[in-house]
Amino acid sequence: MLDLATNNPIETLRLYAAALSLGLLHSEDLPTIADRALSDGVYSDSLAELANTANPMMSEVGPLFRAAFAELGIGPMPRKDAAWLLTRRCVQLLLDESRPPRQTLTVLRMIVDAARDVLPDFEYCGSGLDVGRLYAYSWSYDEPNENCFEGRIITSEVKRHAILDHNTRMEAREWLERHP
């Protein structure tokens, strides 16, 4: 399941609504999300019903999830807006030093791929959301032959990943400056 949680449970639900609109959630994720929202003090009848769903099927839990949003005043979100909202959250999460960026970059790549119909790549992968460098860094973690940095050969995977982590966080800061 995507970890998009914030300190604000309604904002967290908005992020999950965005993820649902891009097709990034699975039916088994929805009861867990509902349960977490209830635990955080957010209540709606549909959330309560959703949290108690034993064998979730999207045809059943999808409408319940959308009903919960309506009960909580969270309106439907256009796919383009959903992609930008989720991208901003991912970029914010990349700055969290306690989290390795690799998993968040994978989620960001999923967002780019899911939103290509409304935010196409113009020059390079990820350009529709201005995350081309971050998209490239996400692939670099899996490329063992990318072992040169600033003219020197990196022989340690640990050191190479530390450099990628640093560069990813620098680009995340720059993205937030470009998109305040």
C-alpha atoms as a PDB file:
ATOM      1  CA  MET A   1       0.000   0.000   0.000  1.00  0.00           C
ATOM      2  CA  LEU A   2       1.191   3.518  -0.732  1.00  0.00           C
ATOM      3  CA  ASP A   3       2.250   5.378   2.402  1.00  0.00           C
ATOM      4  CA  LEU A   4       0.972   8.918   1.866  1.00  0.00           C
ATOM      5  CA  ALA A   5       0.042   9.743   5.468  1.00  0.00           C
ATOM      6  CA  THR A   6       0.334  13.296   6.752  1.00  0.00           C
ATOM      7  CA  ASN A   7      -0.323  14.805  10.184  1.00  0.00           C
ATOM      8  CA  ASN A   8      -3.776  15.834   8.937  1.00  0.00           C
ATOM      9  CA  PRO A   9      -6.115  12.840   8.490  1.00  0.00           C
ATOM     10  CA  ILE A  10      -8.426  14.690   6.065  1.00  0.00           C
ATOM     11  CA  GLU A  11      -5.447  15.673   3.913  1.00  0.00           C
ATOM     12  CA  THR A  12      -4.305  12.049   4.023  1.00  0.00           C
ATOM     13  CA  LEU A  13      -7.734  10.967   2.751  1.00  0.00           C
ATOM     14  CA  ARG A  14      -7.502  13.574  -0.033  1.00  0.00           C
ATOM     15  CA  LEU A  15      -4.182  12.028  -1.064  1.00  0.00           C
ATOM     16  CA  TYR A  16      -5.719   8.568  -1.113  1.00  0.00           C
ATOM     17  CA  ALA A  17      -8.669   9.928  -3.122  1.00  0.00           C
ATOM     18  CA  ALA A  18      -6.104  11.210  -5.628  1.00  0.00           C
ATOM     19  CA  ALA A  19      -4.375   7.836  -5.693  1.00  0.00           C
ATOM     20  CA  LEU A  20      -7.710   6.115  -6.290  1.00  0.00           C
ATOM     21  CA  SER A  21      -8.528   8.451  -9.180  1.00  0.00           C
ATOM     22  CA  LEU A  22      -5.231   7.473 -10.834  1.00  0.00           C
ATOM     23  CA  GLY A  23      -5.838   3.771 -10.241  1.00  0.00           C
ATOM     24  CA  LEU A  24      -2.924   3.429  -7.805  1.00  0.00           C
ATOM     25  CA  LEU A  25      -4.832   1.699  -5.005  1.00  0.00           C
ATOM     26  CA  HIS A  26      -5.906  -1.912  -4.731  1.00  0.00           C
ATOM     27  CA  SER A  27      -9.187  -3.038  -3.233  1.00  0.00           C
ATOM     28  CA  GLU A  28      -7.435  -4.558  -0.222  1.00  0.00           C
ATOM     29  CA  ASP A  29      -5.851  -1.153   0.581  1.00  0.00           C
ATOM     30  CA  LEU A  30      -9.172   0.630   1.110  1.00  0.00           C
ATOM     31  CA  PRO A  31     -10.338  -1.019   4.372  1.00  0.00           C
ATOM     32  CA  THR A  32      -6.904  -0.348   5.914  1.00  0.00           C
ATOM     33  CA  ILE A  33      -7.047   3.307   4.862  1.00  0.00           C
ATOM     34  CA  ALA A  34     -10.570   3.602   6.289  1.00  0.00           C
ATOM     35  CA  ASP A  35      -9.495   1.971   9.547  1.00  0.00           C
ATOM     36  CA  ARG A  36      -6.550   4.351   9.871  1.00  0.00           C
ATOM     37  CA  ALA A  37      -8.816   7.356   9.264  1.00  0.00           C
ATOM     38  CA  LEU A  38     -11.252   6.150  11.933  1.00  0.00           C
ATOM     39  CA  SER A  39      -8.335   5.650  14.343  1.00  0.00           C
ATOM     40  CA  ASP A  40      -7.246   9.232  13.587  1.00  0.00           C
ATOM     41  CA  GLY A  41     -10.675  10.541  14.611  1.00  0.00           C
ATOM     42  CA  VAL A  42     -12.319  10.929  11.203  1.00  0.00           C
ATOM     43  CA  TYR A  43     -15.772   9.370  11.071  1.00  0.00           C
ATOM     44  CA  SER A  44     -18.332   8.698   8.396  1.00  0.00           C
ATOM     45  CA  ASP A  45     -20.800   5.846   8.075  1.00  0.00           C
ATOM     46  CA  SER A  46     -19.156   4.702   4.849  1.00  0.00           C
ATOM     47  CA  LEU A  47     -15.681   4.710   6.424  1.00  0.00           C
ATOM     48  CA  ALA A  48     -16.982   2.548   9.266  1.00  0.00           C
ATOM     49  CA  GLU A  49     -18.580   0.105   6.845  1.00  0.00           C
ATOM     50  CA  LEU A  50     -15.477   0.072   4.664  1.00  0.00           C
ATOM     51  CA  ALA A  51     -13.161  -0.603   7.606  1.00  0.00           C
ATOM     52  CA  ASN A  52     -15.192  -3.729   8.437  1.00  0.00           C
ATOM     53  CA  THR A  53     -15.098  -5.178   4.931  1.00  0.00           C
ATOM     54  CA  ALA A  54     -13.548  -8.651   5.120  1.00  0.00           C
ATOM     55  CA  ASN A  55     -12.988  -9.603   1.467  1.00  0.00           C
ATOM     56  CA  PRO A  56     -12.786  -6.319  -0.413  1.00  0.00           C
ATOM     57  CA  MET A  57     -13.630  -6.234  -4.087  1.00  0.00           C
ATOM     58  CA  MET A  58     -13.213  -2.928  -5.897  1.00  0.00           C
ATOM     59  CA  SER A  59     -16.787  -3.052  -7.208  1.00  0.00           C
ATOM     60  CA  GLU A  60     -17.900  -3.010  -3.562  1.00  0.00           C
ATOM     61  CA  VAL A  61     -15.285  -0.914  -1.753  1.00  0.00           C
ATOM     62  CA  GLY A  62     -14.631   1.665  -4.480  1.00  0.00           C
ATOM     63  CA  PRO A  63     -18.143   3.144  -4.243  1.00  0.00           C
ATOM     64  CA  LEU A  64     -17.955   3.005  -0.417  1.00  0.00           C
ATOM     65  CA  PHE A  65     -14.656   4.899  -0.481  1.00  0.00           C
ATOM     66  CA  ARG A  66     -16.132   7.535  -2.802  1.00  0.00           C
ATOM     67  CA  ALA A  67     -19.228   7.777  -0.571  1.00  0.00           C
ATOM     68  CA  ALA A  68     -16.970   8.351   2.438  1.00  0.00           C
ATOM     69  CA  PHE A  69     -15.270  11.208   0.570  1.00  0.00           C
ATOM     70  CA  ALA A  70     -18.633  12.768  -0.194  1.00  0.00           C
ATOM     71  CA  GLU A  71     -19.733  12.412   3.451  1.00  0.00           C
ATOM     72  CA  LEU A  72     -16.528  14.164   4.518  1.00  0.00           C
ATOM     73  CA  GLY A  73     -16.815  16.950   1.928  1.00  0.00           C
ATOM     74  CA  ILE A  74     -13.969  15.673  -0.241  1.00  0.00           C
ATOM     75  CA  GLY A  75     -15.113  16.143  -3.812  1.00  0.00           C
ATOM     76  CA  PRO A  76     -14.045  14.194  -6.878  1.00  0.00           C
ATOM     77  CA  MET A  77     -10.621  15.145  -8.168  1.00  0.00           C
ATOM     78  CA  PRO A  78      -9.646  15.507 -11.837  1.00  0.00           C
ATOM     79  CA  ARG A  79      -6.785  13.187 -12.783  1.00  0.00           C
ATOM     80  CA  LYS A  80      -4.422  16.061 -13.579  1.00  0.00           C
ATOM     81  CA  ASP A  81      -4.984  17.640 -10.150  1.00  0.00           C
ATOM     82  CA  ALA A  82      -4.601  14.229  -8.522  1.00  0.00           C
ATOM     83  CA  ALA A  83      -1.233  13.717 -10.212  1.00  0.00           C
ATOM     84  CA  TRP A  84       0.079  17.114  -9.086  1.00  0.00           C
ATOM     85  CA  LEU A  85      -1.168  16.607  -5.519  1.00  0.00           C
ATOM     86  CA  LEU A  86       0.478  13.181  -5.263  1.00  0.00           C
ATOM     87  CA  THR A  87       3.674  14.415  -6.883  1.00  0.00           C
ATOM     88  CA  ARG A  88       3.961  17.236  -4.345  1.00  0.00           C
ATOM     89  CA  ARG A  89       3.472  14.752  -1.491  1.00  0.00           C
ATOM     90  CA  CYS A  90       6.122  12.419  -2.894  1.00  0.00           C
ATOM     91  CA  VAL A  91       8.584  15.276  -3.300  1.00  0.00           C
ATOM     92  CA  GLN A  92       7.924  16.322   0.306  1.00  0.00           C
ATOM     93  CA  LEU A  93       8.517  12.732   1.448  1.00  0.00           C
ATOM     94  CA  LEU A  94      11.827  12.665  -0.440  1.00  0.00           C
ATOM     95  CA  LEU A  95      13.116  15.358   1.908  1.00  0.00           C
ATOM     96  CA  ASP A  96      12.467  13.187   4.973  1.00  0.00           C
ATOM     97  CA  GLU A  97      15.951  12.025   5.988  1.00  0.00           C
ATOM     98  CA  SER A  98      14.493   9.131   8.000  1.00  0.00           C
ATOM     99  CA  ARG A  99      13.073   7.534   4.832  1.00  0.00           C
ATOM    100  CA  PRO A 100      15.202   6.093   2.057  1.00  0.00           C
ATOM    101  CA  PRO A 101      14.085   7.849  -1.136  1.00  0.00           C
ATOM    102  CA  ARG A 102      14.094   4.779  -3.366  1.00  0.00           C
ATOM    103  CA  GLN A 103      10.580   3.573  -2.455  1.00  0.00           C
ATOM    104  CA  THR A 104       9.108   7.069  -2.791  1.00  0.00           C
ATOM    105  CA  LEU A 105      10.773   7.435  -6.198  1.00  0.00           C
ATOM    106  CA  THR A 106       9.084   4.201  -7.267  1.00  0.00           C
ATOM    107  CA  VAL A 107       5.711   5.659  -6.243  1.00  0.00           C
ATOM    108  CA  LEU A 108       6.534   8.856  -8.124  1.00  0.00           C
ATOM    109  CA  ARG A 109       7.298   6.802 -11.228  1.00  0.00           C
ATOM    110  CA  MET A 110       3.912   5.070 -10.835  1.00  0.00           C
ATOM    111  CA  ILE A 111       2.206   8.489 -10.678  1.00  0.00           C
ATOM    112  CA  VAL A 112       3.964   9.649 -13.858  1.00  0.00           C
ATOM    113  CA  ASP A 113       3.008   6.449 -15.654  1.00  0.00           C
ATOM    114  CA  ALA A 114      -0.623   6.601 -14.470  1.00  0.00           C
ATOM    115  CA  ALA A 115      -1.071  10.252 -15.482  1.00  0.00           C
ATOM    116  CA  ARG A 116       0.435  10.155 -18.968  1.00  0.00           C
ATOM    117  CA  ASP A 117      -3.007  10.500 -20.527  1.00  0.00           C
ATOM    118  CA  VAL A 118      -3.503  13.926 -18.886  1.00  0.00           C
ATOM    119  CA  LEU A 119       0.133  14.999 -18.394  1.00  0.00           C
ATOM    120  CA  PRO A 120       2.107  13.563 -21.316  1.00  0.00           C
ATOM    121  CA  ASP A 121       5.877  13.469 -21.443  1.00  0.00           C
ATOM    122  CA  PHE A 122       7.075  16.176 -23.800  1.00  0.00           C
ATOM    123  CA  GLU A 123      10.850  15.967 -23.926  1.00  0.00           C
ATOM    124  CA  TYR A 124      11.656  13.160 -21.504  1.00  0.00           C
ATOM    125  CA  CYS A 125      10.013  10.790 -19.014  1.00  0.00           C
ATOM    126  CA  GLY A 126       8.401  12.741 -16.220  1.00  0.00           C
ATOM    127  CA  SER A 127       8.435  16.113 -17.967  1.00  0.00           C
ATOM    128  CA  GLY A 128       4.636  16.448 -17.699  1.00  0.00           C
ATOM    129  CA  LEU A 129       5.059  16.817 -13.932  1.00  0.00           C
ATOM    130  CA  ASP A 130       8.546  18.381 -14.115  1.00  0.00           C
ATOM    131  CA  VAL A 131      10.094  15.346 -12.414  1.00  0.00           C
ATOM    132  CA  GLY A 132      12.440  14.171 -15.169  1.00  0.00           C
ATOM    133  CA  ARG A 133      15.549  14.115 -12.976  1.00  0.00           C
ATOM    134  CA  LEU A 134      13.729  12.356 -10.160  1.00  0.00           C
ATOM    135  CA  TYR A 135      12.355   9.833 -12.660  1.00  0.00           C
ATOM    136  CA  ALA A 136      15.910   9.203 -13.908  1.00  0.00           C
ATOM    137  CA  TYR A 137      17.256   8.842 -10.362  1.00  0.00           C
ATOM    138  CA  SER A 138      14.584   6.211  -9.675  1.00  0.00           C
ATOM    139  CA  TRP A 139      16.053   4.058 -12.447  1.00  0.00           C
ATOM    140  CA  SER A 140      19.656   4.762 -11.433  1.00  0.00           C
ATOM    141  CA  TYR A 141      19.267   2.808  -8.207  1.00  0.00           C
ATOM    142  CA  ASP A 142      18.810  -0.345 -10.306  1.00  0.00           C
ATOM    143  CA  GLU A 143      21.632   0.291 -12.763  1.00  0.00           C
ATOM    144  CA  PRO A 144      24.836  -1.206 -11.354  1.00  0.00           C
ATOM    145  CA  ASN A 145      26.879   0.161 -14.259  1.00  0.00           C
ATOM    146  CA  GLU A 146      26.114   3.766 -13.321  1.00  0.00           C
ATOM    147  CA  ASN A 147      29.213   3.989 -11.193  1.00  0.00           C
ATOM    148  CA  CYS A 148      30.780   7.269 -12.247  1.00  0.00           C
ATOM    149  CA  PHE A 149      30.097  10.512 -10.400  1.00  0.00           C
ATOM    150  CA  GLU A 150      31.839  13.857 -10.954  1.00  0.00           C
ATOM    151  CA  GLY A 151      34.679  12.179 -12.814  1.00  0.00           C
ATOM    152  CA  ARG A 152      35.430   9.488 -10.258  1.00  0.00           C
ATOM    153  CA  ILE A 153      34.564   5.818 -10.222  1.00  0.00           C
ATOM    154  CA  ILE A 154      32.335   4.670  -7.371  1.00  0.00           C
ATOM    155  CA  THR A 155      33.104   1.074  -6.424  1.00  0.00           C
ATOM    156  CA  SER A 156      30.817   0.737  -3.415  1.00  0.00           C
ATOM    157  CA  GLU A 157      27.059   0.281  -3.842  1.00  0.00           C
ATOM    158  CA  VAL A 158      26.536   1.881  -0.429  1.00  0.00           C
ATOM    159  CA  LYS A 159      28.443   4.981  -1.534  1.00  0.00           C
ATOM    160  CA  ARG A 160      26.646   5.048  -4.892  1.00  0.00           C
ATOM    161  CA  HIS A 161      23.248   4.900  -3.169  1.00  0.00           C
ATOM    162  CA  ALA A 162      24.328   7.632  -0.723  1.00  0.00           C
ATOM    163  CA  ILE A 163      25.191   9.864  -3.693  1.00  0.00           C
ATOM    164  CA  LEU A 164      21.845   9.071  -5.339  1.00  0.00           C
ATOM    165  CA  ASP A 165      20.011   9.789  -2.068  1.00  0.00           C
ATOM    166  CA  HIS A 166      21.796  13.144  -1.768  1.00  0.00           C
ATOM    167  CA  ASN A 167      21.124  14.109  -5.407  1.00  0.00           C
ATOM    168  CA  THR A 168      17.497  13.042  -5.110  1.00  0.00           C
ATOM    169  CA  ARG A 169      16.987  15.256  -2.062  1.00  0.00           C
ATOM    170  CA  MET A 170      18.704  18.188  -3.753  1.00  0.00           C
ATOM    171  CA  GLU A 171      16.410  17.837  -6.788  1.00  0.00           C
ATOM    172  CA  ALA A 172      13.371  17.530  -4.488  1.00  0.00           C
ATOM    173  CA  ARG A 173      14.293  20.856  -2.842  1.00  0.00           C
ATOM    174  CA  GLU A 174      14.718  22.462  -6.258  1.00  0.00           C
ATOM    175  CA  TRP A 175      11.350  21.064  -7.424  1.00  0.00           C
ATOM    176  CA  LEU A 176       9.591  22.597  -4.414  1.00  0.00           C
ATOM    177  CA  GLU A 177      11.269  25.940  -5.198  1.00  0.00           C
ATOM    178  CA  ARG A 178      10.023  25.729  -8.802  1.00  0.00           C
ATOM    179  CA  HIS A 179       6.521  24.717  -7.632  1.00  0.00           C
ATOM    180  CA  PRO A 180       5.795  26.645  -4.407  1.00  0.00           C
END
